């Protein structure tokens, strides 16, 4: 299972669909947009990555990409990395 990345921002008025499409294309084989939504408190885009760990390089690329798309102020990127532990007797 790969890491999850959640991009969220304030403003129900913001149309995240164009941003979502651009992110999907930018990701390529590194992952996919798996969902998203919007409501009175804001909007979000959910991404599932192929990699289990999110590198600093990937995050810096993503942040630069979002800035280049003129993502609105207040956007937040949250990373959830799943750790797999195996124990043998």
Protein backbone atom coordinates (compact mmCIF):
# COMPACT_ATOMS: atom_id res chain seq x y z
CA UNK A 1 0.00 0.00 0.00
CA UNK A 2 1.44 3.37 -1.00
CA UNK A 3 1.45 6.63 0.88
CA UNK A 4 -1.55 8.95 0.77
CA UNK A 5 -1.35 12.66 0.07
CA UNK A 6 -4.24 14.99 0.83
CA UNK A 7 -4.38 18.45 -0.69
CA UNK A 8 -6.97 20.72 0.88
CA UNK A 9 -7.88 24.35 0.70
CA UNK A 10 -10.37 26.86 2.03
CA UNK A 11 -13.32 28.11 0.06
CA UNK A 12 -16.27 26.13 -1.21
CA UNK A 13 -16.27 28.53 -4.16
CA UNK A 14 -13.00 27.17 -5.57
CA UNK A 15 -13.39 24.82 -8.54
CA UNK A 16 -10.84 22.12 -7.78
CA UNK A 17 -11.61 20.05 -10.92
CA UNK A 18 -9.01 21.71 -13.18
CA UNK A 19 -6.40 21.39 -10.45
CA UNK A 20 -7.36 17.74 -9.97
CA UNK A 21 -6.92 16.97 -13.69
CA UNK A 22 -3.52 18.71 -13.82
CA UNK A 23 -2.31 16.82 -10.73
CA UNK A 24 -3.43 13.49 -12.21
CA UNK A 25 -1.46 14.20 -15.37
CA UNK A 26 1.59 15.42 -13.39
CA UNK A 27 1.63 12.28 -11.24
CA UNK A 28 1.97 9.91 -14.18
CA UNK A 29 2.90 6.44 -12.95
CA UNK A 30 3.85 7.76 -9.48
CA UNK A 31 0.25 7.59 -8.30
CA UNK A 32 -3.32 8.60 -8.96
CA UNK A 33 -6.02 10.95 -7.77
CA UNK A 34 -8.45 8.71 -5.89
CA UNK A 35 -11.05 11.19 -4.77
CA UNK A 36 -11.93 14.67 -3.72
CA UNK A 37 -14.77 16.80 -2.61
CA UNK A 38 -15.94 20.18 -1.46
CA UNK A 39 -18.20 21.56 1.20
CA UNK A 40 -18.86 24.60 3.31
CA UNK A 41 -15.41 24.40 4.93
CA UNK A 42 -13.38 23.97 1.74
CA UNK A 43 -12.25 21.39 -0.76
CA UNK A 44 -9.83 18.47 -0.97
CA UNK A 45 -8.07 16.21 -3.43
CA UNK A 46 -6.98 12.70 -2.39
CA UNK A 47 -3.94 11.04 -3.93
CA UNK A 48 -2.60 7.51 -3.52
CA UNK A 49 1.06 7.09 -4.41
CA UNK A 50 2.78 3.96 -5.67
CA UNK A 51 5.67 4.57 -3.24
CA UNK A 52 5.32 3.84 0.46
CA UNK A 53 7.50 6.79 1.42
CA UNK A 54 7.19 10.37 0.25
CA UNK A 55 10.58 11.94 -0.41
CA UNK A 56 11.46 15.57 0.17
CA UNK A 57 12.15 15.88 -3.55
CA UNK A 58 8.64 14.70 -4.41
CA UNK A 59 7.08 17.11 -1.92
CA UNK A 60 9.13 20.03 -3.20
CA UNK A 61 8.12 19.18 -6.77
CA UNK A 62 4.44 18.95 -5.76
CA UNK A 63 4.51 22.26 -3.90
CA UNK A 64 6.24 23.98 -6.83
CA UNK A 65 3.72 22.44 -9.23
CA UNK A 66 0.78 23.71 -7.13
CA UNK A 67 2.31 27.19 -6.97
CA UNK A 68 2.75 27.11 -10.74
CA UNK A 69 -0.95 26.34 -11.13
CA UNK A 70 -1.81 29.36 -8.98
CA UNK A 71 -3.42 27.23 -6.30
CA UNK A 72 -5.32 29.53 -3.95
CA UNK A 73 -3.80 30.81 -0.69
CA UNK A 74 -4.26 28.55 2.30
CA UNK A 75 -3.68 25.24 0.51
CA UNK A 76 -2.39 22.50 2.81
CA UNK A 77 -0.66 19.24 1.85
CA UNK A 78 -0.90 16.36 4.33
CA UNK A 79 1.13 13.16 3.92
CA UNK A 80 0.18 9.81 5.49
CA UNK A 81 2.77 7.08 5.17
CA UNK A 82 1.68 3.58 6.05
CA UNK A 83 4.20 1.49 7.88
CA UNK A 84 4.09 -2.24 7.48
CA UNK A 85 5.47 -4.34 10.29
CA UNK A 86 6.01 -8.08 10.07
CA UNK A 87 6.83 -10.17 13.14
CA UNK A 88 8.07 -13.73 12.99
CA UNK A 89 7.90 -16.29 15.77
